[in-house]
Protein backbone atom coordinates (compact mmCIF):
# COMPACT_ATOMS: atom_id res chain seq x y z
CA UNK A 1 0.00 0.00 0.00
CA UNK A 2 1.20 3.49 -0.81
CA UNK A 3 0.22 7.12 -1.33
CA UNK A 4 1.49 9.60 -3.91
CA UNK A 5 3.28 12.50 -2.18
CA UNK A 6 4.07 15.88 -3.75
CA UNK A 7 7.47 16.66 -2.25
CA UNK A 8 7.45 20.52 -2.45
CA UNK A 9 4.10 20.87 -0.66
CA UNK A 10 4.26 17.75 1.52
CA UNK A 11 0.68 16.96 0.48
CA UNK A 12 -0.78 13.80 -1.05
CA UNK A 13 -2.78 13.15 -4.21
CA UNK A 14 -6.46 12.30 -4.08
CA UNK A 15 -8.91 12.01 -6.97
CA UNK A 16 -10.74 15.30 -7.27
CA UNK A 17 -14.36 15.34 -6.15
CA UNK A 18 -16.89 18.12 -6.72
CA UNK A 19 -15.56 21.30 -5.06
CA UNK A 20 -12.52 19.54 -3.77
CA UNK A 21 -8.78 19.46 -4.39
CA UNK A 22 -6.28 17.02 -5.83
CA UNK A 23 -4.06 17.71 -2.82
CA UNK A 24 -4.77 16.78 0.79
CA UNK A 25 -3.02 16.00 4.05
CA UNK A 26 -4.20 12.35 3.93
CA UNK A 27 -4.50 11.48 0.23
CA UNK A 28 -5.75 8.27 -1.29
CA UNK A 29 -4.21 4.94 -0.34
CA UNK A 30 -3.48 2.73 -3.35
CA UNK A 31 -3.22 -1.03 -3.28
CA UNK A 32 -2.63 -1.57 -6.99
CA UNK A 33 0.15 -0.38 -9.25
CA UNK A 34 -2.18 2.12 -10.93
CA UNK A 35 -2.71 5.62 -9.56
CA UNK A 36 -3.93 8.97 -10.88
CA UNK A 37 -0.53 10.63 -10.93
CA UNK A 38 1.54 8.03 -12.78
CA UNK A 39 -1.07 6.95 -15.35
CA UNK A 40 0.10 9.46 -18.02
CA UNK A 41 3.70 9.83 -16.88
CA UNK A 42 5.23 8.49 -20.10
CA UNK A 43 3.26 10.86 -22.31
CA UNK A 44 3.71 14.14 -20.38
CA UNK A 45 6.31 15.94 -18.28
CA UNK A 46 3.81 17.70 -16.03
CA UNK A 47 0.75 16.72 -14.04
CA UNK A 48 -2.10 19.17 -13.42
CA UNK A 49 -3.63 19.53 -9.98
CA UNK A 50 -6.85 21.38 -9.18
CA UNK A 51 -8.37 23.14 -6.19
CA UNK A 52 -11.00 25.73 -5.37
CA UNK A 53 -10.01 29.39 -5.39
CA UNK A 54 -9.29 30.70 -1.87
CA UNK A 55 -9.59 27.20 -0.35
CA UNK A 56 -7.27 26.11 2.47
CA UNK A 57 -5.11 24.15 -0.01
CA UNK A 58 -4.95 27.13 -2.39
CA UNK A 59 -3.86 29.46 0.40
CA UNK A 60 -1.32 27.03 1.92
CA UNK A 61 0.38 26.26 -1.41
CA UNK A 62 0.18 29.63 -3.18
CA UNK A 63 3.84 30.38 -2.42
CA UNK A 64 4.92 26.97 -3.78
CA UNK A 65 2.65 26.30 -6.76
CA UNK A 66 1.88 28.63 -9.64
CA UNK A 67 -1.94 28.56 -9.51
CA UNK A 68 -3.86 29.91 -12.49
CA UNK A 69 -7.59 30.53 -12.81
CA UNK A 70 -9.53 27.90 -14.69
CA UNK A 71 -13.27 27.37 -15.06
CA UNK A 72 -15.67 28.94 -12.56
CA UNK A 73 -14.03 29.03 -9.11
CA UNK A 74 -11.32 26.44 -9.84
CA UNK A 75 -7.57 26.90 -9.89
CA UNK A 76 -5.06 24.75 -11.76
CA UNK A 77 -1.31 24.27 -11.27
CA UNK A 78 1.19 22.24 -13.27
CA UNK A 79 3.46 19.99 -11.23
CA UNK A 80 6.52 18.14 -12.49
CA UNK A 81 6.36 14.34 -12.32
CA UNK A 82 9.78 14.25 -10.66
CA UNK A 83 8.24 16.11 -7.69
CA UNK A 84 5.98 13.10 -6.91
CA UNK A 85 7.07 10.00 -5.01
CA UNK A 86 5.42 6.82 -3.86
CA UNK A 87 5.32 6.75 -0.09
CA UNK A 88 4.92 3.21 1.21
CA UNK A 89 2.59 2.75 4.15
């Protein structure tokens, strides 16, 4: 079992739900070799994460991630795949 950790923020990946964020303090625990971060790793150099504008995650990571406005009240930031690690549990 493992979680995907974003090293610069210290936060973990979770699949984004309605009005939620891809980053959280707990993240999703994976039991298989497939996870949302590494699925497209071979095709791209960056991985997009989302959050709500002015949310706790947006405020805590604004100095680390380059958030840009997206649709409605959502923010998007590009993260480099090399900034993500598998953290065994």
